[in-house]
Amino acid sequence: MHRVKSLPDYLLHRYRDWKTHEFPGNRDLFRKLAIEGQTPRAMVIACCDSRVAIEAVFAQQVGEVFVHRNIANLVSPYTPDGRHHGTAAAVEFAVKYLHVGHIIVMGHSNCGGVRGCLQMCAGEAPDLERQESFIGRWLDTLRPAVARIADITSPEDRQTALEKEGIHISLENLLSYPFVAEAVDAGDLTLHGLWTDLAEMNLETFDGTVRHFVKG
């Protein structure tokens, strides 16, 4: 473990500043959560992109939202093959054990993962095509959506359209999970799609009836 180092100084400084100035005002909340456990009302599946400010967008308190992040905010199809499935495990935990009432798939503009999928499908990203590429094999989840935007010629518009189609794909894949479908059919769970423009932080929500988003 000699290759593992201590935290960078800037993170330690920020932690100590937070612990001194911010934590005391929220001490009771943290103690309550530590003793009673978490009861989040919703799960958000978002991109790993550091620009996606989930906490700021929803003005959430600690313990209110169960957050899972991955490349391009994707949910792969239900595949009970006994292998490692981090996103599927998070969804299972949220639905079966936390009993969240909502799952929100949150996409965003200028997504590097979506851009990588476009490049891979165009034969412009040979590294992602390699079988050993974790990113490439993960982005295979998004491949079916590329055909849906084949008639879009503008690169910028194709990028945005695939970001939104990725949300559709993930919502469709969520319903392939039996425990998700059962909770939805029972009225205990609702699914939502959300796309945000990083520059202006405008939100668009999937209206659930047709394949388009409306401004939030």
Protein backbone atom coordinates (compact mmCIF):
# COMPACT_ATOMS: atom_id res chain seq x y z
CA MET A 1 0.00 0.00 0.00
CA HIS A 2 3.05 2.28 -0.18
CA ARG A 3 1.60 3.83 -3.36
CA VAL A 4 -1.41 5.19 -1.46
CA LYS A 5 -0.77 8.69 -0.17
CA SER A 6 -2.46 10.96 2.36
CA LEU A 7 -5.09 13.44 1.28
CA PRO A 8 -3.95 16.54 -0.63
CA ASP A 9 -3.48 19.54 1.62
CA TYR A 10 -6.19 21.57 -0.11
CA LEU A 11 -8.80 18.92 0.73
CA LEU A 12 -7.70 18.75 4.35
CA HIS A 13 -7.85 22.54 4.62
CA ARG A 14 -11.36 22.61 3.16
CA TYR A 15 -12.49 19.84 5.50
CA ARG A 16 -11.14 21.63 8.57
CA ASP A 17 -12.78 24.87 7.49
CA TRP A 18 -16.11 23.06 6.95
CA LYS A 19 -15.84 21.25 10.28
CA THR A 20 -15.17 24.52 12.08
CA HIS A 21 -17.71 26.78 10.41
CA GLU A 22 -20.44 24.67 8.80
CA PHE A 23 -20.72 21.45 10.78
CA PRO A 24 -21.68 22.92 14.18
CA GLY A 25 -24.92 24.31 12.74
CA ASN A 26 -25.84 20.89 11.36
CA ARG A 27 -24.56 18.70 14.17
CA ASP A 28 -28.03 17.53 15.22
CA LEU A 29 -28.91 16.50 11.67
CA PHE A 30 -25.76 14.43 11.27
CA ARG A 31 -26.28 12.74 14.64
CA LYS A 32 -29.90 12.00 13.80
CA LEU A 33 -28.93 10.42 10.47
CA ALA A 34 -26.13 8.43 12.08
CA ILE A 35 -28.47 6.99 14.71
CA GLU A 36 -31.70 6.56 12.75
CA GLY A 37 -30.25 5.77 9.31
CA GLN A 38 -31.16 7.24 5.94
CA THR A 39 -34.65 7.61 4.51
CA PRO A 40 -34.14 9.43 1.20
CA ARG A 41 -37.25 10.27 -0.79
CA ALA A 42 -35.59 9.93 -4.18
CA MET A 43 -32.69 8.36 -6.03
CA VAL A 44 -30.74 10.34 -8.63
CA ILE A 45 -28.69 8.51 -11.25
CA ALA A 46 -26.29 11.12 -12.61
CA CYS A 47 -23.06 11.39 -14.54
CA CYS A 48 -19.67 11.31 -12.83
CA ASP A 49 -18.94 14.67 -14.45
CA SER A 50 -17.79 17.04 -11.70
CA ARG A 51 -19.78 19.89 -13.26
CA VAL A 52 -23.12 18.24 -12.51
CA ALA A 53 -24.14 20.02 -9.31
CA ILE A 54 -26.86 17.75 -7.96
CA GLU A 55 -26.80 19.17 -4.45
CA ALA A 56 -27.08 22.75 -5.71
CA VAL A 57 -29.83 22.03 -8.25
CA PHE A 58 -32.14 20.39 -5.73
CA ALA A 59 -31.05 22.42 -2.69
CA GLN A 60 -30.92 19.15 -0.82
CA GLN A 61 -30.02 18.49 2.78
CA VAL A 62 -27.79 15.60 3.72
CA GLY A 63 -29.82 12.38 3.72
CA GLU A 64 -32.58 13.55 1.37
CA VAL A 65 -31.36 12.10 -1.95
CA PHE A 66 -29.67 8.77 -2.66
CA VAL A 67 -27.15 9.55 -5.42
CA HIS A 68 -25.45 7.15 -7.81
CA ARG A 69 -23.02 8.41 -10.43
CA ASN A 70 -21.51 6.66 -13.43
CA ILE A 71 -20.20 7.51 -16.90
CA ALA A 72 -23.00 9.20 -18.92
CA ASN A 73 -25.69 8.49 -16.26
CA LEU A 74 -26.59 5.14 -17.83
CA VAL A 75 -28.60 2.20 -16.57
CA SER A 76 -27.73 -1.05 -18.31
CA PRO A 77 -30.40 -3.70 -18.97
CA TYR A 78 -31.34 -6.17 -16.24
CA THR A 79 -28.64 -8.85 -16.43
CA PRO A 80 -28.71 -11.29 -13.47
CA ASP A 81 -25.52 -13.12 -14.47
CA GLY A 82 -23.75 -13.12 -11.12
CA ARG A 83 -21.14 -10.58 -12.23
CA HIS A 84 -20.29 -7.16 -10.80
CA HIS A 85 -22.99 -4.57 -11.56
CA GLY A 86 -22.53 -1.38 -9.53
CA THR A 87 -25.43 0.59 -10.96
CA ALA A 88 -27.82 -2.35 -10.74
CA ALA A 89 -26.79 -2.88 -7.12
CA ALA A 90 -27.47 0.77 -6.31
CA VAL A 91 -30.91 0.60 -7.95
CA GLU A 92 -31.75 -2.61 -6.10
CA PHE A 93 -30.72 -1.08 -2.78
CA ALA A 94 -32.69 2.11 -3.41
CA VAL A 95 -35.88 0.33 -4.43
CA LYS A 96 -35.93 -2.80 -2.27
CA TYR A 97 -34.32 -1.54 0.93
CA LEU A 98 -34.62 2.26 1.01
CA HIS A 99 -38.06 2.23 -0.68
CA VAL A 100 -37.46 5.50 -2.51
CA GLY A 101 -40.53 6.98 -4.13
CA HIS A 102 -38.76 8.38 -7.19
CA ILE A 103 -35.82 7.54 -9.46
CA ILE A 104 -34.49 10.45 -11.52
CA VAL A 105 -32.10 9.83 -14.42
CA MET A 106 -30.23 13.11 -14.80
CA GLY A 107 -28.33 13.83 -18.01
CA HIS A 108 -26.46 16.98 -18.99
CA SER A 109 -25.01 18.99 -21.85
CA ASN A 110 -21.47 18.51 -23.18
CA CYS A 111 -21.27 15.00 -21.75
CA GLY A 112 -17.88 13.45 -22.46
CA GLY A 113 -19.25 9.91 -22.21
CA VAL A 114 -21.92 10.61 -24.82
CA ARG A 115 -19.31 12.22 -27.06
CA GLY A 116 -17.15 9.12 -26.64
CA CYS A 117 -20.02 6.89 -27.73
CA LEU A 118 -20.55 9.00 -30.86
CA GLN A 119 -16.87 8.80 -31.68
CA MET A 120 -16.75 5.07 -31.01
CA CYS A 121 -19.74 4.38 -33.25
CA ALA A 122 -18.16 6.50 -35.99
CA GLY A 123 -14.92 4.50 -35.82
CA GLU A 124 -13.03 7.47 -34.40
CA ALA A 125 -12.16 6.02 -30.97
CA PRO A 126 -10.26 2.74 -31.45
CA ASP A 127 -9.21 2.63 -27.79
CA LEU A 128 -12.86 2.47 -26.74
CA GLU A 129 -13.47 -0.39 -29.16
CA ARG A 130 -10.96 -2.59 -27.36
CA GLN A 131 -12.58 -5.37 -25.37
CA GLU A 132 -10.60 -4.41 -22.28
CA SER A 133 -11.90 -0.82 -22.29
CA PHE A 134 -14.21 -0.44 -19.31
CA ILE A 135 -15.48 2.84 -20.72
CA GLY A 136 -16.20 1.41 -24.16
CA ARG A 137 -18.04 -1.63 -22.88
CA TRP A 138 -20.06 0.56 -20.53
CA LEU A 139 -20.98 2.90 -23.38
CA ASP A 140 -22.27 -0.10 -25.36
CA THR A 141 -25.43 0.48 -23.31
CA LEU A 142 -25.92 3.69 -25.29
CA ARG A 143 -25.29 2.22 -28.75
CA PRO A 144 -28.97 1.41 -29.50
CA ALA A 145 -29.81 5.10 -29.12
CA VAL A 146 -27.34 6.16 -31.83
CA ALA A 147 -29.61 4.77 -34.54
CA ARG A 148 -32.43 6.97 -33.24
CA ILE A 149 -30.48 10.15 -34.07
CA ALA A 150 -29.05 9.00 -37.41
CA ASP A 151 -30.88 11.71 -39.39
CA ILE A 152 -29.40 14.60 -37.36
CA THR A 153 -26.49 16.20 -39.24
CA SER A 154 -25.36 18.97 -36.89
CA PRO A 155 -22.66 17.62 -34.50
CA GLU A 156 -23.91 19.82 -31.67
CA ASP A 157 -27.51 18.77 -32.16
CA ARG A 158 -26.48 15.10 -32.41
CA GLN A 159 -24.64 15.41 -29.10
CA THR A 160 -27.65 16.94 -27.34
CA ALA A 161 -30.07 14.47 -28.92
CA LEU A 162 -27.98 11.49 -27.82
CA GLU A 163 -27.71 12.87 -24.29
CA LYS A 164 -31.50 12.89 -24.13
CA GLU A 165 -31.85 9.52 -25.86
CA GLY A 166 -29.48 8.11 -23.26
CA ILE A 167 -31.97 9.16 -20.61
CA HIS A 168 -34.74 7.40 -22.52
CA ILE A 169 -32.62 4.25 -22.84
CA SER A 170 -31.91 4.25 -19.12
CA LEU A 171 -35.57 4.72 -18.21
CA GLU A 172 -36.50 1.84 -20.53
CA ASN A 173 -33.78 -0.33 -19.01
CA LEU A 174 -34.93 0.49 -15.48
CA LEU A 175 -38.31 -1.05 -16.29
CA SER A 176 -36.54 -4.29 -17.27
CA TYR A 177 -35.70 -4.78 -13.57
CA PRO A 178 -38.56 -6.85 -12.10
CA PHE A 179 -38.48 -5.14 -8.72
CA VAL A 180 -38.56 -1.71 -10.38
CA ALA A 181 -41.47 -2.63 -12.66
CA GLU A 182 -43.39 -4.12 -9.73
CA ALA A 183 -42.91 -0.98 -7.63
CA VAL A 184 -43.97 1.24 -10.54
CA ASP A 185 -47.06 -0.87 -11.26
CA ALA A 186 -47.98 -0.80 -7.57
CA GLY A 187 -47.80 2.99 -7.51
CA ASP A 188 -44.94 2.98 -5.01
CA LEU A 189 -42.31 4.31 -7.42
CA THR A 190 -42.22 6.82 -10.26
CA LEU A 191 -39.47 7.26 -12.85
CA HIS A 192 -38.32 10.62 -14.19
CA GLY A 193 -35.93 11.94 -16.84
CA LEU A 194 -34.06 15.20 -16.45
CA TRP A 195 -31.55 17.00 -18.68
CA THR A 196 -29.62 20.11 -17.66
CA ASP A 197 -27.67 22.70 -19.62
CA LEU A 198 -24.42 23.15 -17.68
CA ALA A 199 -23.78 26.71 -18.86
CA GLU A 200 -27.11 28.18 -17.79
CA MET A 201 -28.28 25.40 -15.44
CA ASN A 202 -31.67 25.30 -17.16
CA LEU A 203 -33.55 22.06 -16.54
CA GLU A 204 -35.64 20.11 -19.02
CA THR A 205 -37.85 17.23 -17.90
CA PHE A 206 -39.07 14.25 -19.89
CA ASP A 207 -42.85 14.63 -19.94
CA GLY A 208 -43.46 10.89 -19.87
CA THR A 209 -45.92 10.79 -22.78
CA VAL A 210 -43.91 11.60 -25.90
CA ARG A 211 -40.21 11.47 -26.75
CA HIS A 212 -39.30 15.04 -25.91
CA PHE A 213 -38.33 17.20 -22.99
CA VAL A 214 -40.01 20.33 -21.69
CA LYS A 215 -38.41 23.21 -19.82
CA GLY A 216 -38.61 22.89 -16.08
